[in-house]
Amino acid sequence: MTSISHPATLAPAPSRPVPRDWSRVIAVVAVSILALVVISPLFLLAVASLKPDRFQILADMGSFRAFWVSDPSLQNFRDVWTFSGALPFGRYLLNSLIILFVTVLGGVFLNSMAAFVLAWGRLPGRAVILTALIALYIVPQESIVLPLLTIVNRVGLSDSFAAQILPFMASPLYIFLIYQFFIQVPRDIYDAATVDGAGPFRIYWSVFLPISLPVLATVAILLGIETWNQYLWPLMVTQTDRARPISVGIASFFGHDSVYWNSAMAASVMMMIPVLIFYLAFQRWFVSSFISSAVKG
């Protein structure tokens, strides 16, 4: 009986690894493309704000001329930076800065204090409270604006700074973030402070806050950006320029027959600069928080 021989199957050639130099080049190119996609709208916004003619802005939008200005001018910023008139954007920007400063400062204090009590206080039903916090976080803000607006109107806080600050100082997300940091602090630190005669608030203020700067900076940045970008709620609670933020003021340029794109671009740059400065001020602790979280994870 003759045996039938089958042809030997050829093993696939092993794939050659990409050289390390080429891997670095590919990574640099990918990051550069991503950075270009992110930065190009901001650069276009800055360039358009320096063009005094609103019709020239529209004409240049369909070409690369949108990223270049031959005769830059600050006239748009001078026209927008006013504290009186129909659109006092100087006043709007000042209102936004006040709301940002008070909300972030009070929010970091309240959220960190609540997190400290949950982490180290003798609180019955702590697990139930944590579960309720997480459940509250998944509730969309749009579903509670109408009941919240009714409360604000009844207590007489409409068209005020308090109506834009108080409802957003405390957040389940930020309480939980700081709580996760506090429970990782060794018990010996808390016990040593107790032996030295420090009370709960002294331990919180003098021991836990100084060592939690990274997570507090993270909360400050997230809360600050969230506060700065608020639009729906300020639109509902402000009726005059007295407490109106710049996010609502910019929308006044649109919805009309004629849109003054040059002034709208200048106002948008004015709105963008403070939040960039705010992020850069806390960037070191913000990055440190993410690095420490990755190492612990």
C-alpha atoms as a PDB file:
ATOM      1  CA  MET A   1       0.000   0.000   0.000  1.00  0.00           C
ATOM      2  CA  THR A   2       1.499   3.210  -1.102  1.00  0.00           C
ATOM      3  CA  SER A   3       1.422   6.202   1.250  1.00  0.00           C
ATOM      4  CA  ILE A   4       0.465   9.536  -0.068  1.00  0.00           C
ATOM      5  CA  SER A   5       2.918  12.205   0.923  1.00  0.00           C
ATOM      6  CA  HIS A   6       1.533  15.638   1.620  1.00  0.00           C
ATOM      7  CA  PRO A   7       3.521  18.711   0.752  1.00  0.00           C
ATOM      8  CA  ALA A   8       5.131  20.346   3.727  1.00  0.00           C
ATOM      9  CA  THR A   9       3.363  23.481   4.814  1.00  0.00           C
ATOM     10  CA  LEU A  10       5.567  26.495   5.074  1.00  0.00           C
ATOM     11  CA  ALA A  11       5.523  28.296   8.412  1.00  0.00           C
ATOM     12  CA  PRO A  12       4.763  32.006   8.117  1.00  0.00           C
ATOM     13  CA  ALA A  13       7.809  34.165   8.309  1.00  0.00           C
ATOM     14  CA  PRO A  14       8.135  35.888  11.640  1.00  0.00           C
ATOM     15  CA  SER A  15       7.202  39.530  11.491  1.00  0.00           C
ATOM     16  CA  ARG A  16      10.144  41.824  11.830  1.00  0.00           C
ATOM     17  CA  PRO A  17       9.853  44.189  14.740  1.00  0.00           C
ATOM     18  CA  VAL A  18       9.646  47.844  13.948  1.00  0.00           C
ATOM     19  CA  PRO A  19      12.983  49.508  14.694  1.00  0.00           C
ATOM     20  CA  ARG A  20      12.999  51.628  17.793  1.00  0.00           C
ATOM     21  CA  ASP A  21      13.895  54.766  15.849  1.00  0.00           C
ATOM     22  CA  TRP A  22      10.924  54.298  13.517  1.00  0.00           C
ATOM     23  CA  SER A  23       8.609  53.696  16.472  1.00  0.00           C
ATOM     24  CA  ARG A  24       9.691  56.996  17.946  1.00  0.00           C
ATOM     25  CA  VAL A  25       9.133  58.786  14.632  1.00  0.00           C
ATOM     26  CA  ILE A  26       5.645  57.303  14.298  1.00  0.00           C
ATOM     27  CA  ALA A  27       4.787  58.327  17.848  1.00  0.00           C
ATOM     28  CA  VAL A  28       6.024  61.889  17.276  1.00  0.00           C
ATOM     29  CA  VAL A  29       4.054  62.183  14.022  1.00  0.00           C
ATOM     30  CA  ALA A  30       0.869  60.848  15.638  1.00  0.00           C
ATOM     31  CA  VAL A  31       1.165  63.220  18.601  1.00  0.00           C
ATOM     32  CA  SER A  32       1.921  66.142  16.261  1.00  0.00           C
ATOM     33  CA  ILE A  33      -1.175  65.433  14.166  1.00  0.00           C
ATOM     34  CA  LEU A  34      -3.324  65.176  17.299  1.00  0.00           C
ATOM     35  CA  ALA A  35      -1.893  68.425  18.672  1.00  0.00           C
ATOM     36  CA  LEU A  36      -2.525  70.146  15.330  1.00  0.00           C
ATOM     37  CA  VAL A  37      -6.157  69.026  15.338  1.00  0.00           C
ATOM     38  CA  VAL A  38      -6.626  70.342  18.895  1.00  0.00           C
ATOM     39  CA  ILE A  39      -4.719  73.618  18.529  1.00  0.00           C
ATOM     40  CA  SER A  40      -5.820  74.684  15.029  1.00  0.00           C
ATOM     41  CA  PRO A  41      -9.349  75.846  16.056  1.00  0.00           C
ATOM     42  CA  LEU A  42      -7.862  77.884  18.905  1.00  0.00           C
ATOM     43  CA  PHE A  43      -5.272  79.414  16.587  1.00  0.00           C
ATOM     44  CA  LEU A  44      -7.965  80.219  14.032  1.00  0.00           C
ATOM     45  CA  LEU A  45     -10.017  81.870  16.777  1.00  0.00           C
ATOM     46  CA  ALA A  46      -7.066  84.013  17.872  1.00  0.00           C
ATOM     47  CA  VAL A  47      -6.248  85.039  14.293  1.00  0.00           C
ATOM     48  CA  ALA A  48      -9.866  85.921  13.488  1.00  0.00           C
ATOM     49  CA  SER A  49     -10.087  88.100  16.602  1.00  0.00           C
ATOM     50  CA  LEU A  50      -7.299  90.291  15.152  1.00  0.00           C
ATOM     51  CA  LYS A  51      -9.173  90.956  11.901  1.00  0.00           C
ATOM     52  CA  PRO A  52     -11.288  94.117  12.214  1.00  0.00           C
ATOM     53  CA  ASP A  53     -13.498  93.349   9.193  1.00  0.00           C
ATOM     54  CA  ARG A  54     -16.194  90.755   9.907  1.00  0.00           C
ATOM     55  CA  PHE A  55     -16.794  90.147   6.199  1.00  0.00           C
ATOM     56  CA  GLN A  56     -13.104  89.393   5.695  1.00  0.00           C
ATOM     57  CA  ILE A  57     -13.355  86.717   8.382  1.00  0.00           C
ATOM     58  CA  LEU A  58     -16.179  84.994   6.503  1.00  0.00           C
ATOM     59  CA  ALA A  59     -14.355  85.293   3.171  1.00  0.00           C
ATOM     60  CA  ASP A  60     -11.180  83.722   4.575  1.00  0.00           C
ATOM     61  CA  MET A  61     -12.887  80.791   6.276  1.00  0.00           C
ATOM     62  CA  GLY A  62     -12.810  78.587   3.170  1.00  0.00           C
ATOM     63  CA  SER A  63      -9.027  78.787   2.689  1.00  0.00           C
ATOM     64  CA  PHE A  64      -5.728  78.783   4.563  1.00  0.00           C
ATOM     65  CA  ARG A  65      -5.987  82.577   4.798  1.00  0.00           C
ATOM     66  CA  ALA A  66      -8.150  81.955   7.853  1.00  0.00           C
ATOM     67  CA  PHE A  67      -4.921  81.119   9.721  1.00  0.00           C
ATOM     68  CA  TRP A  68      -3.139  84.318   8.759  1.00  0.00           C
ATOM     69  CA  VAL A  69      -3.729  88.018   9.366  1.00  0.00           C
ATOM     70  CA  SER A  70      -1.793  90.545   7.333  1.00  0.00           C
ATOM     71  CA  ASP A  71      -2.753  93.630   9.323  1.00  0.00           C
ATOM     72  CA  PRO A  72      -3.478  92.621  12.947  1.00  0.00           C
ATOM     73  CA  SER A  73      -5.541  94.998  15.029  1.00  0.00           C
ATOM     74  CA  LEU A  74      -6.742  95.087  18.644  1.00  0.00           C
ATOM     75  CA  GLN A  75      -9.759  97.200  17.754  1.00  0.00           C
ATOM     76  CA  ASN A  76     -12.137  94.278  18.312  1.00  0.00           C
ATOM     77  CA  PHE A  77     -10.933  93.912  21.897  1.00  0.00           C
ATOM     78  CA  ARG A  78     -11.244  97.650  22.512  1.00  0.00           C
ATOM     79  CA  ASP A  79     -14.813  97.575  21.201  1.00  0.00           C
ATOM     80  CA  VAL A  80     -15.761  94.561  23.326  1.00  0.00           C
ATOM     81  CA  TRP A  81     -14.011  95.583  26.543  1.00  0.00           C
ATOM     82  CA  THR A  82     -16.720  97.847  27.949  1.00  0.00           C
ATOM     83  CA  PHE A  83     -18.566  98.032  31.254  1.00  0.00           C
ATOM     84  CA  SER A  84     -21.644  99.771  29.872  1.00  0.00           C
ATOM     85  CA  GLY A  85     -23.826  99.730  26.802  1.00  0.00           C
ATOM     86  CA  ALA A  86     -25.881  96.956  25.246  1.00  0.00           C
ATOM     87  CA  LEU A  87     -23.180  94.271  25.626  1.00  0.00           C
ATOM     88  CA  PRO A  88     -20.787  95.132  28.490  1.00  0.00           C
ATOM     89  CA  PHE A  89     -18.354  92.256  28.065  1.00  0.00           C
ATOM     90  CA  GLY A  90     -15.947  93.734  30.566  1.00  0.00           C
ATOM     91  CA  ARG A  91     -18.673  93.389  33.167  1.00  0.00           C
ATOM     92  CA  TYR A  92     -19.527  89.879  31.954  1.00  0.00           C
ATOM     93  CA  LEU A  93     -15.893  88.785  32.292  1.00  0.00           C
ATOM     94  CA  LEU A  94     -15.627  90.271  35.777  1.00  0.00           C
ATOM     95  CA  ASN A  95     -18.827  88.477  36.804  1.00  0.00           C
ATOM     96  CA  SER A  96     -17.458  85.176  35.514  1.00  0.00           C
ATOM     97  CA  LEU A  97     -14.196  85.640  37.413  1.00  0.00           C
ATOM     98  CA  ILE A  98     -16.064  86.328  40.644  1.00  0.00           C
ATOM     99  CA  ILE A  99     -18.245  83.244  40.163  1.00  0.00           C
ATOM    100  CA  LEU A 100     -15.210  81.122  39.297  1.00  0.00           C
ATOM    101  CA  PHE A 101     -13.127  82.237  42.270  1.00  0.00           C
ATOM    102  CA  VAL A 102     -15.852  81.836  44.889  1.00  0.00           C
ATOM    103  CA  THR A 103     -17.154  78.533  43.497  1.00  0.00           C
ATOM    104  CA  VAL A 104     -13.718  76.904  43.290  1.00  0.00           C
ATOM    105  CA  LEU A 105     -12.558  78.155  46.679  1.00  0.00           C
ATOM    106  CA  GLY A 106     -15.771  77.191  48.456  1.00  0.00           C
ATOM    107  CA  GLY A 107     -16.131  73.958  46.488  1.00  0.00           C
ATOM    108  CA  VAL A 108     -12.655  72.698  47.352  1.00  0.00           C
ATOM    109  CA  PHE A 109     -13.257  73.499  51.028  1.00  0.00           C
ATOM    110  CA  LEU A 110     -16.739  71.927  51.273  1.00  0.00           C
ATOM    111  CA  ASN A 111     -15.992  68.843  49.192  1.00  0.00           C
ATOM    112  CA  SER A 112     -12.748  68.100  51.010  1.00  0.00           C
ATOM    113  CA  MET A 113     -14.384  68.571  54.407  1.00  0.00           C
ATOM    114  CA  ALA A 114     -17.237  66.222  53.492  1.00  0.00           C
ATOM    115  CA  ALA A 115     -14.727  63.675  52.159  1.00  0.00           C
ATOM    116  CA  PHE A 116     -12.696  63.883  55.385  1.00  0.00           C
ATOM    117  CA  VAL A 117     -15.781  63.208  57.501  1.00  0.00           C
ATOM    118  CA  LEU A 118     -16.694  60.230  55.326  1.00  0.00           C
ATOM    119  CA  ALA A 119     -13.167  58.827  55.423  1.00  0.00           C
ATOM    120  CA  TRP A 120     -12.188  59.396  59.061  1.00  0.00           C
ATOM    121  CA  GLY A 121     -15.276  60.497  60.949  1.00  0.00           C
ATOM    122  CA  ARG A 122     -17.345  58.227  63.136  1.00  0.00           C
ATOM    123  CA  LEU A 123     -20.304  58.306  60.802  1.00  0.00           C
ATOM    124  CA  PRO A 124     -22.966  55.577  60.944  1.00  0.00           C
ATOM    125  CA  GLY A 125     -24.156  54.277  57.599  1.00  0.00           C
ATOM    126  CA  ARG A 126     -21.099  55.428  55.686  1.00  0.00           C
ATOM    127  CA  ALA A 127     -21.534  52.768  52.999  1.00  0.00           C
ATOM    128  CA  VAL A 128     -25.119  53.898  52.415  1.00  0.00           C
ATOM    129  CA  ILE A 129     -23.994  57.515  52.096  1.00  0.00           C
ATOM    130  CA  LEU A 130     -21.279  56.602  49.587  1.00  0.00           C
ATOM    131  CA  THR A 131     -23.776  54.617  47.537  1.00  0.00           C
ATOM    132  CA  ALA A 132     -26.154  57.580  47.558  1.00  0.00           C
ATOM    133  CA  LEU A 133     -23.342  59.906  46.437  1.00  0.00           C
ATOM    134  CA  ILE A 134     -22.537  57.707  43.460  1.00  0.00           C
ATOM    135  CA  ALA A 135     -26.236  57.456  42.609  1.00  0.00           C
ATOM    136  CA  LEU A 136     -26.591  61.243  42.743  1.00  0.00           C
ATOM    137  CA  TYR A 137     -23.693  61.677  40.339  1.00  0.00           C
ATOM    138  CA  ILE A 138     -25.456  59.783  37.549  1.00  0.00           C
ATOM    139  CA  VAL A 139     -28.496  62.077  37.764  1.00  0.00           C
ATOM    140  CA  PRO A 140     -28.224  64.527  34.826  1.00  0.00           C
ATOM    141  CA  GLN A 141     -28.175  68.192  35.734  1.00  0.00           C
ATOM    142  CA  GLU A 142     -30.858  69.030  33.176  1.00  0.00           C
ATOM    143  CA  SER A 143     -33.388  66.906  35.082  1.00  0.00           C
ATOM    144  CA  ILE A 144     -33.168  69.042  38.238  1.00  0.00           C
ATOM    145  CA  VAL A 145     -32.869  72.554  36.813  1.00  0.00           C
ATOM    146  CA  LEU A 146     -36.605  73.274  36.965  1.00  0.00           C
ATOM    147  CA  PRO A 147     -37.046  72.270  40.653  1.00  0.00           C
ATOM    148  CA  LEU A 148     -33.820  74.105  41.452  1.00  0.00           C
ATOM    149  CA  LEU A 149     -35.042  77.186  39.614  1.00  0.00           C
ATOM    150  CA  THR A 150     -38.270  77.108  41.639  1.00  0.00           C
ATOM    151  CA  ILE A 151     -36.292  77.002  44.886  1.00  0.00           C
ATOM    152  CA  VAL A 152     -33.997  79.833  43.790  1.00  0.00           C
ATOM    153  CA  ASN A 153     -36.955  82.040  42.867  1.00  0.00           C
ATOM    154  CA  ARG A 154     -38.806  81.363  46.110  1.00  0.00           C
ATOM    155  CA  VAL A 155     -35.839  82.243  48.320  1.00  0.00           C
ATOM    156  CA  GLY A 156     -35.190  85.416  46.304  1.00  0.00           C
ATOM    157  CA  LEU A 157     -31.810  84.505  44.803  1.00  0.00           C
ATOM    158  CA  SER A 158     -32.679  84.912  41.129  1.00  0.00           C
ATOM    159  CA  ASP A 159     -30.456  87.210  39.065  1.00  0.00           C
ATOM    160  CA  SER A 160     -27.640  87.042  41.624  1.00  0.00           C
ATOM    161  CA  PHE A 161     -24.181  85.586  42.073  1.00  0.00           C
ATOM    162  CA  ALA A 162     -25.429  83.300  44.837  1.00  0.00           C
ATOM    163  CA  ALA A 163     -27.826  81.555  42.454  1.00  0.00           C
ATOM    164  CA  GLN A 164     -24.863  80.605  40.228  1.00  0.00           C
ATOM    165  CA  ILE A 165     -22.480  79.661  43.042  1.00  0.00           C
ATOM    166  CA  LEU A 166     -24.348  77.835  45.807  1.00  0.00           C
ATOM    167  CA  PRO A 167     -25.961  75.012  43.751  1.00  0.00           C
ATOM    168  CA  PHE A 168     -22.609  73.855  42.322  1.00  0.00           C
ATOM    169  CA  MET A 169     -20.151  74.201  45.188  1.00  0.00           C
ATOM    170  CA  ALA A 170     -20.710  70.632  46.438  1.00  0.00           C
ATOM    171  CA  SER A 171     -20.557  67.709  44.020  1.00  0.00           C
ATOM    172  CA  PRO A 172     -20.810  63.938  44.624  1.00  0.00           C
ATOM    173  CA  LEU A 173     -18.002  63.334  42.113  1.00  0.00           C
ATOM    174  CA  TYR A 174     -15.499  65.614  43.825  1.00  0.00           C
ATOM    175  CA  ILE A 175     -16.410  64.356  47.286  1.00  0.00           C
ATOM    176  CA  PHE A 176     -15.790  60.811  46.110  1.00  0.00           C
ATOM    177  CA  LEU A 177     -12.471  61.708  44.440  1.00  0.00           C
ATOM    178  CA  ILE A 178     -11.114  63.335  47.583  1.00  0.00           C
ATOM    179  CA  TYR A 179     -12.535  60.531  49.730  1.00  0.00           C
ATOM    180  CA  GLN A 180     -10.591  57.981  47.654  1.00  0.00           C
ATOM    181  CA  PHE A 181      -7.413  59.932  48.376  1.00  0.00           C
ATOM    182  CA  PHE A 182      -8.074  60.370  52.097  1.00  0.00           C
ATOM    183  CA  ILE A 183      -8.723  56.682  52.795  1.00  0.00           C
ATOM    184  CA  GLN A 184      -5.268  55.847  51.420  1.00  0.00           C
ATOM    185  CA  VAL A 185      -3.548  57.972  54.063  1.00  0.00           C
ATOM    186  CA  PRO A 186      -1.968  55.693  56.707  1.00  0.00           C
ATOM    187  CA  ARG A 187      -3.880  55.412  59.955  1.00  0.00           C
ATOM    188  CA  ASP A 188      -0.695  56.182  61.888  1.00  0.00           C
ATOM    189  CA  ILE A 189      -0.742  59.797  60.676  1.00  0.00           C
ATOM    190  CA  TYR A 190      -4.248  60.352  62.026  1.00  0.00           C
ATOM    191  CA  ASP A 191      -3.448  58.592  65.323  1.00  0.00           C
ATOM    192  CA  ALA A 192      -0.242  60.591  65.799  1.00  0.00           C
ATOM    193  CA  ALA A 193      -2.107  63.862  65.358  1.00  0.00           C
ATOM    194  CA  THR A 194      -4.769  62.688  67.822  1.00  0.00           C
ATOM    195  CA  VAL A 195      -2.103  61.819  70.398  1.00  0.00           C
ATOM    196  CA  ASP A 196      -0.651  65.327  70.014  1.00  0.00           C
ATOM    197  CA  GLY A 197      -4.034  66.708  71.066  1.00  0.00           C
ATOM    198  CA  ALA A 198      -5.310  67.853  67.667  1.00  0.00           C
ATOM    199  CA  GLY A 199      -9.064  67.833  67.119  1.00  0.00           C
ATOM    200  CA  PRO A 200     -10.796  66.652  63.928  1.00  0.00           C
ATOM    201  CA  PHE A 201     -10.809  70.066  62.244  1.00  0.00           C
ATOM    202  CA  ARG A 202      -7.153  70.691  63.160  1.00  0.00           C
ATOM    203  CA  ILE A 203      -6.199  67.311  61.698  1.00  0.00           C
ATOM    204  CA  TYR A 204      -8.154  68.078  58.562  1.00  0.00           C
ATOM    205  CA  TRP A 205      -6.715  71.570  58.158  1.00  0.00           C
ATOM    206  CA  SER A 206      -3.090  71.068  59.228  1.00  0.00           C
ATOM    207  CA  VAL A 207      -2.415  67.445  58.245  1.00  0.00           C
ATOM    208  CA  PHE A 208      -4.688  66.225  55.469  1.00  0.00           C
ATOM    209  CA  LEU A 209      -5.040  69.350  53.341  1.00  0.00           C
ATOM    210  CA  PRO A 210      -1.261  69.941  52.912  1.00  0.00           C
ATOM    211  CA  ILE A 211      -0.660  66.356  51.742  1.00  0.00           C
ATOM    212  CA  SER A 212      -3.643  66.344  49.378  1.00  0.00           C
ATOM    213  CA  LEU A 213      -2.638  69.237  47.098  1.00  0.00           C
ATOM    214  CA  PRO A 214      -2.571  67.065  43.918  1.00  0.00           C
ATOM    215  CA  VAL A 215      -6.141  65.813  44.301  1.00  0.00           C
ATOM    216  CA  LEU A 216      -7.341  69.252  45.425  1.00  0.00           C
ATOM    217  CA  ALA A 217      -5.752  70.799  42.321  1.00  0.00           C
ATOM    218  CA  THR A 218      -7.521  68.202  40.184  1.00  0.00           C
ATOM    219  CA  VAL A 219     -10.850  69.049  41.795  1.00  0.00           C
ATOM    220  CA  ALA A 220     -10.148  72.786  41.427  1.00  0.00           C
ATOM    221  CA  ILE A 221      -9.421  72.436  37.692  1.00  0.00           C
ATOM    222  CA  LEU A 222     -12.426  70.211  36.966  1.00  0.00           C
ATOM    223  CA  LEU A 223     -14.773  72.366  39.038  1.00  0.00           C
ATOM    224  CA  GLY A 224     -13.352  75.553  37.541  1.00  0.00           C
ATOM    225  CA  ILE A 225     -13.787  74.398  33.949  1.00  0.00           C
ATOM    226  CA  GLU A 226     -17.288  73.147  34.720  1.00  0.00           C
ATOM    227  CA  THR A 227     -18.202  76.479  36.316  1.00  0.00           C
ATOM    228  CA  TRP A 228     -16.647  78.548  33.537  1.00  0.00           C
ATOM    229  CA  ASN A 229     -18.514  76.636  30.823  1.00  0.00           C
ATOM    230  CA  GLN A 230     -21.934  76.819  32.483  1.00  0.00           C
ATOM    231  CA  TYR A 231     -24.535  78.139  30.067  1.00  0.00           C
ATOM    232  CA  LEU A 232     -28.008  76.705  30.630  1.00  0.00           C
ATOM    233  CA  TRP A 233     -28.267  77.518  34.327  1.00  0.00           C
ATOM    234  CA  PRO A 234     -26.938  81.122  34.133  1.00  0.00           C
ATOM    235  CA  LEU A 235     -29.236  81.716  31.166  1.00  0.00           C
ATOM    236  CA  MET A 236     -32.219  80.690  33.291  1.00  0.00           C
ATOM    237  CA  VAL A 237     -31.382  82.603  36.487  1.00  0.00           C
ATOM    238  CA  THR A 238     -29.992  85.889  35.119  1.00  0.00           C
ATOM    239  CA  GLN A 239     -32.221  88.564  33.654  1.00  0.00           C
ATOM    240  CA  THR A 240     -29.901  91.595  33.759  1.00  0.00           C
ATOM    241  CA  ASP A 241     -26.214  92.355  33.274  1.00  0.00           C
ATOM    242  CA  ARG A 242     -25.627  92.619  37.022  1.00  0.00           C
ATOM    243  CA  ALA A 243     -24.622  88.953  37.449  1.00  0.00           C
ATOM    244  CA  ARG A 244     -24.622  87.624  33.870  1.00  0.00           C
ATOM    245  CA  PRO A 245     -21.464  85.640  32.992  1.00  0.00           C
ATOM    246  CA  ILE A 246     -19.543  85.901  29.750  1.00  0.00           C
ATOM    247  CA  SER A 247     -20.709  82.487  28.508  1.00  0.00           C
ATOM    248  CA  VAL A 248     -24.270  83.831  28.277  1.00  0.00           C
ATOM    249  CA  GLY A 249     -23.108  87.201  26.983  1.00  0.00           C
ATOM    250  CA  ILE A 250     -21.335  85.693  23.971  1.00  0.00           C
ATOM    251  CA  ALA A 251     -24.582  84.063  22.853  1.00  0.00           C
ATOM    252  CA  SER A 252     -26.010  87.568  22.442  1.00  0.00           C
ATOM    253  CA  PHE A 253     -23.982  87.934  19.237  1.00  0.00           C
ATOM    254  CA  PHE A 254     -25.993  85.176  17.578  1.00  0.00           C
ATOM    255  CA  GLY A 255     -29.657  84.772  16.785  1.00  0.00           C
ATOM    256  CA  HIS A 256     -29.858  88.064  14.868  1.00  0.00           C
ATOM    257  CA  ASP A 257     -29.886  88.955  11.198  1.00  0.00           C
ATOM    258  CA  SER A 258     -26.309  90.244  11.337  1.00  0.00           C
ATOM    259  CA  VAL A 259     -23.565  88.465  13.288  1.00  0.00           C
ATOM    260  CA  TYR A 260     -20.527  90.553  14.147  1.00  0.00           C
ATOM    261  CA  TRP A 261     -17.968  87.760  13.882  1.00  0.00           C
ATOM    262  CA  ASN A 262     -15.024  90.007  14.689  1.00  0.00           C
ATOM    263  CA  SER A 263     -16.493  91.031  18.043  1.00  0.00           C
ATOM    264  CA  ALA A 264     -17.686  87.487  18.762  1.00  0.00           C
ATOM    265  CA  MET A 265     -14.178  86.127  18.133  1.00  0.00           C
ATOM    266  CA  ALA A 266     -12.619  88.758  20.387  1.00  0.00           C
ATOM    267  CA  ALA A 267     -15.105  87.980  23.165  1.00  0.00           C
ATOM    268  CA  SER A 268     -14.382  84.259  22.767  1.00  0.00           C
ATOM    269  CA  VAL A 269     -10.657  84.877  23.178  1.00  0.00           C
ATOM    270  CA  MET A 270     -11.400  86.914  26.306  1.00  0.00           C
ATOM    271  CA  MET A 271     -13.374  83.964  27.644  1.00  0.00           C
ATOM    272  CA  MET A 272     -10.623  81.476  26.763  1.00  0.00           C
ATOM    273  CA  ILE A 273      -7.618  83.241  28.305  1.00  0.00           C
ATOM    274  CA  PRO A 274      -8.629  83.144  32.029  1.00  0.00           C
ATOM    275  CA  VAL A 275      -9.390  79.423  32.021  1.00  0.00           C
ATOM    276  CA  LEU A 276      -6.048  78.691  30.322  1.00  0.00           C
ATOM    277  CA  ILE A 277      -4.240  80.704  32.974  1.00  0.00           C
ATOM    278  CA  PHE A 278      -6.255  78.888  35.645  1.00  0.00           C
ATOM    279  CA  TYR A 279      -5.232  75.494  34.240  1.00  0.00           C
ATOM    280  CA  LEU A 280      -1.557  76.434  33.909  1.00  0.00           C
ATOM    281  CA  ALA A 281      -1.521  77.637  37.523  1.00  0.00           C
ATOM    282  CA  PHE A 282      -2.610  74.189  38.775  1.00  0.00           C
ATOM    283  CA  GLN A 283      -1.041  72.069  36.023  1.00  0.00           C
ATOM    284  CA  ARG A 284       1.861  70.721  38.110  1.00  0.00           C
ATOM    285  CA  TRP A 285      -0.413  69.307  40.827  1.00  0.00           C
ATOM    286  CA  PHE A 286      -2.955  68.157  38.242  1.00  0.00           C
ATOM    287  CA  VAL A 287      -0.370  66.020  36.407  1.00  0.00           C
ATOM    288  CA  SER A 288       1.077  64.813  39.703  1.00  0.00           C
ATOM    289  CA  SER A 289      -2.359  63.595  40.759  1.00  0.00           C
ATOM    290  CA  PHE A 290      -2.792  61.518  37.603  1.00  0.00           C
ATOM    291  CA  ILE A 291       0.732  60.071  37.868  1.00  0.00           C
ATOM    292  CA  SER A 292       0.218  59.056  41.501  1.00  0.00           C
ATOM    293  CA  SER A 293      -3.169  57.517  40.637  1.00  0.00           C
ATOM    294  CA  ALA A 294      -1.593  55.487  37.830  1.00  0.00           C
ATOM    295  CA  VAL A 295       1.209  54.251  40.087  1.00  0.00           C
ATOM    296  CA  LYS A 296      -1.219  53.246  42.837  1.00  0.00           C
ATOM    297  CA  GLY A 297      -3.503  51.560  40.304  1.00  0.00           C
END
